[in-house]
C-alpha atoms as a PDB file:
ATOM      1  CA  UNK A   1      27.397 -82.346 -70.818  1.00  0.00           C
ATOM      2  CA  UNK A   2      26.151 -79.990 -73.524  1.00  0.00           C
ATOM      3  CA  UNK A   3      24.698 -76.535 -72.787  1.00  0.00           C
ATOM      4  CA  UNK A   4      21.103 -77.958 -73.855  1.00  0.00           C
ATOM      5  CA  UNK A   5      21.579 -80.313 -71.002  1.00  0.00           C
ATOM      6  CA  UNK A   6      22.895 -77.787 -68.502  1.00  0.00           C
ATOM      7  CA  UNK A   7      19.576 -75.630 -69.438  1.00  0.00           C
ATOM      8  CA  UNK A   8      17.350 -78.802 -69.127  1.00  0.00           C
ATOM      9  CA  UNK A   9      18.492 -79.680 -65.787  1.00  0.00           C
ATOM     10  CA  UNK A  10      18.160 -76.019 -64.315  1.00  0.00           C
ATOM     11  CA  UNK A  11      14.688 -75.994 -65.793  1.00  0.00           C
ATOM     12  CA  UNK A  12      13.989 -79.178 -63.892  1.00  0.00           C
ATOM     13  CA  UNK A  13      15.837 -78.201 -60.727  1.00  0.00           C
ATOM     14  CA  UNK A  14      14.526 -74.867 -60.474  1.00  0.00           C
ATOM     15  CA  UNK A  15      10.994 -75.731 -61.806  1.00  0.00           C
ATOM     16  CA  UNK A  16      11.196 -73.039 -64.523  1.00  0.00           C
ATOM     17  CA  UNK A  17      11.051 -72.891 -68.455  1.00  0.00           C
ATOM     18  CA  UNK A  18      13.735 -73.695 -70.495  1.00  0.00           C
ATOM     19  CA  UNK A  19      13.492 -70.388 -71.968  1.00  0.00           C
ATOM     20  CA  UNK A  20      14.348 -68.774 -68.749  1.00  0.00           C
ATOM     21  CA  UNK A  21      16.915 -71.461 -67.745  1.00  0.00           C
ATOM     22  CA  UNK A  22      18.580 -70.361 -70.894  1.00  0.00           C
ATOM     23  CA  UNK A  23      18.508 -66.646 -70.148  1.00  0.00           C
ATOM     24  CA  UNK A  24      19.680 -67.620 -66.474  1.00  0.00           C
ATOM     25  CA  UNK A  25      22.660 -69.450 -67.725  1.00  0.00           C
ATOM     26  CA  UNK A  26      23.492 -66.686 -70.488  1.00  0.00           C
ATOM     27  CA  UNK A  27      23.285 -64.248 -67.922  1.00  0.00           C
ATOM     28  CA  UNK A  28      25.782 -66.230 -65.688  1.00  0.00           C
ATOM     29  CA  UNK A  29      28.249 -66.692 -68.802  1.00  0.00           C
ATOM     30  CA  UNK A  30      28.262 -63.165 -69.680  1.00  0.00           C
ATOM     31  CA  UNK A  31      28.678 -61.632 -66.202  1.00  0.00           C
ATOM     32  CA  UNK A  32      31.731 -63.804 -65.675  1.00  0.00           C
ATOM     33  CA  UNK A  33      33.194 -62.855 -68.987  1.00  0.00           C
ATOM     34  CA  UNK A  34      32.697 -59.187 -68.354  1.00  0.00           C
ATOM     35  CA  UNK A  35      34.275 -59.435 -64.924  1.00  0.00           C
ATOM     36  CA  UNK A  36      37.242 -61.556 -66.463  1.00  0.00           C
ATOM     37  CA  UNK A  37      37.667 -58.919 -69.145  1.00  0.00           C
ATOM     38  CA  UNK A  38      38.206 -56.289 -66.746  1.00  0.00           C
ATOM     39  CA  UNK A  39      40.904 -58.528 -64.910  1.00  0.00           C
ATOM     40  CA  UNK A  40      38.779 -59.417 -62.210  1.00  0.00           C
ATOM     41  CA  UNK A  41      38.126 -62.563 -60.195  1.00  0.00           C
ATOM     42  CA  UNK A  42      34.859 -64.484 -59.661  1.00  0.00           C
ATOM     43  CA  UNK A  43      34.724 -66.675 -56.336  1.00  0.00           C
ATOM     44  CA  UNK A  44      31.819 -69.126 -56.070  1.00  0.00           C
ATOM     45  CA  UNK A  45      32.203 -70.380 -52.664  1.00  0.00           C
ATOM     46  CA  UNK A  46      32.012 -74.195 -52.523  1.00  0.00           C
ATOM     47  CA  UNK A  47      32.705 -74.500 -56.213  1.00  0.00           C
ATOM     48  CA  UNK A  48      35.669 -72.718 -57.438  1.00  0.00           C
ATOM     49  CA  UNK A  49      37.029 -69.182 -58.774  1.00  0.00           C
ATOM     50  CA  UNK A  50      37.433 -67.936 -62.300  1.00  0.00           C
ATOM     51  CA  UNK A  51      40.405 -65.446 -62.863  1.00  0.00           C
ATOM     52  CA  UNK A  52      42.569 -64.354 -65.446  1.00  0.00           C
ATOM     53  CA  UNK A  53      46.410 -65.132 -65.507  1.00  0.00           C
ATOM     54  CA  UNK A  54      49.067 -63.520 -67.394  1.00  0.00           C
ATOM     55  CA  UNK A  55      51.234 -65.794 -69.488  1.00  0.00           C
ATOM     56  CA  UNK A  56      54.529 -64.597 -70.818  1.00  0.00           C
ATOM     57  CA  UNK A  57      55.830 -64.489 -74.377  1.00  0.00           C
ATOM     58  CA  UNK A  58      57.852 -67.529 -75.249  1.00  0.00           C
ATOM     59  CA  UNK A  59      59.381 -69.345 -78.022  1.00  0.00           C
ATOM     60  CA  UNK A  60      57.420 -72.382 -79.700  1.00  0.00           C
ATOM     61  CA  UNK A  61      58.192 -74.548 -82.492  1.00  0.00           C
ATOM     62  CA  UNK A  62      55.901 -75.375 -85.337  1.00  0.00           C
ATOM     63  CA  UNK A  63      55.482 -79.062 -85.330  1.00  0.00           C
ATOM     64  CA  UNK A  64      55.213 -79.584 -89.052  1.00  0.00           C
ATOM     65  CA  UNK A  65      58.341 -77.833 -90.352  1.00  0.00           C
ATOM     66  CA  UNK A  66      60.485 -77.443 -86.917  1.00  0.00           C
ATOM     67  CA  UNK A  67      60.462 -73.567 -87.214  1.00  0.00           C
ATOM     68  CA  UNK A  68      61.043 -71.682 -84.232  1.00  0.00           C
ATOM     69  CA  UNK A  69      58.469 -68.881 -83.632  1.00  0.00           C
ATOM     70  CA  UNK A  70      57.561 -66.408 -81.132  1.00  0.00           C
ATOM     71  CA  UNK A  71      54.342 -66.758 -79.003  1.00  0.00           C
ATOM     72  CA  UNK A  72      52.978 -63.438 -77.693  1.00  0.00           C
ATOM     73  CA  UNK A  73      52.262 -62.886 -74.264  1.00  0.00           C
ATOM     74  CA  UNK A  74      48.682 -63.257 -73.385  1.00  0.00           C
ATOM     75  CA  UNK A  75      46.156 -63.219 -70.918  1.00  0.00           C
ATOM     76  CA  UNK A  76      44.131 -67.020 -69.999  1.00  0.00           C
ATOM     77  CA  UNK A  77      41.131 -67.404 -68.304  1.00  0.00           C
ATOM     78  CA  UNK A  78      41.267 -70.205 -65.784  1.00  0.00           C
ATOM     79  CA  UNK A  79      39.137 -72.120 -63.061  1.00  0.00           C
ATOM     80  CA  UNK A  80      40.554 -73.382 -60.050  1.00  0.00           C
ATOM     81  CA  UNK A  81      38.274 -75.813 -58.297  1.00  0.00           C
ATOM     82  CA  UNK A  82      37.229 -75.330 -54.677  1.00  0.00           C
ATOM     83  CA  UNK A  83      37.782 -77.962 -51.778  1.00  0.00           C
ATOM     84  CA  UNK A  84      33.941 -78.973 -52.031  1.00  0.00           C
ATOM     85  CA  UNK A  85      33.859 -79.523 -55.580  1.00  0.00           C
ATOM     86  CA  UNK A  86      37.528 -81.391 -55.359  1.00  0.00           C
ATOM     87  CA  UNK A  87      36.166 -83.647 -52.683  1.00  0.00           C
ATOM     88  CA  UNK A  88      32.790 -84.274 -54.590  1.00  0.00           C
ATOM     89  CA  UNK A  89      34.744 -85.641 -57.710  1.00  0.00           C
ATOM     90  CA  UNK A  90      37.195 -87.493 -55.344  1.00  0.00           C
ATOM     91  CA  UNK A  91      33.919 -88.992 -53.499  1.00  0.00           C
ATOM     92  CA  UNK A  92      35.486 -87.604 -49.901  1.00  0.00           C
ATOM     93  CA  UNK A  93      33.164 -87.289 -47.444  1.00  0.00           C
ATOM     94  CA  UNK A  94      33.199 -84.875 -44.840  1.00  0.00           C
END
């Protein structure tokens, strides 16, 4: 599903214009991004949570040359699906 399709679906379901739906979606994305930049967590009950995890530095390998290289430590944004989302995807009923 593309961003345009999400915007169209929001507009249809909420009975608002596509422009308003675009603003809403962009505001949501920007809000989550800003919170994750601060190292925070964004839980959405019934859906899941966005958070940042630290990844340790490690050694990697260039697949073309086989050369060993150092991969720096980093922060990685992750999404953990909630039970309701998992159940919906797996078609489990309450």
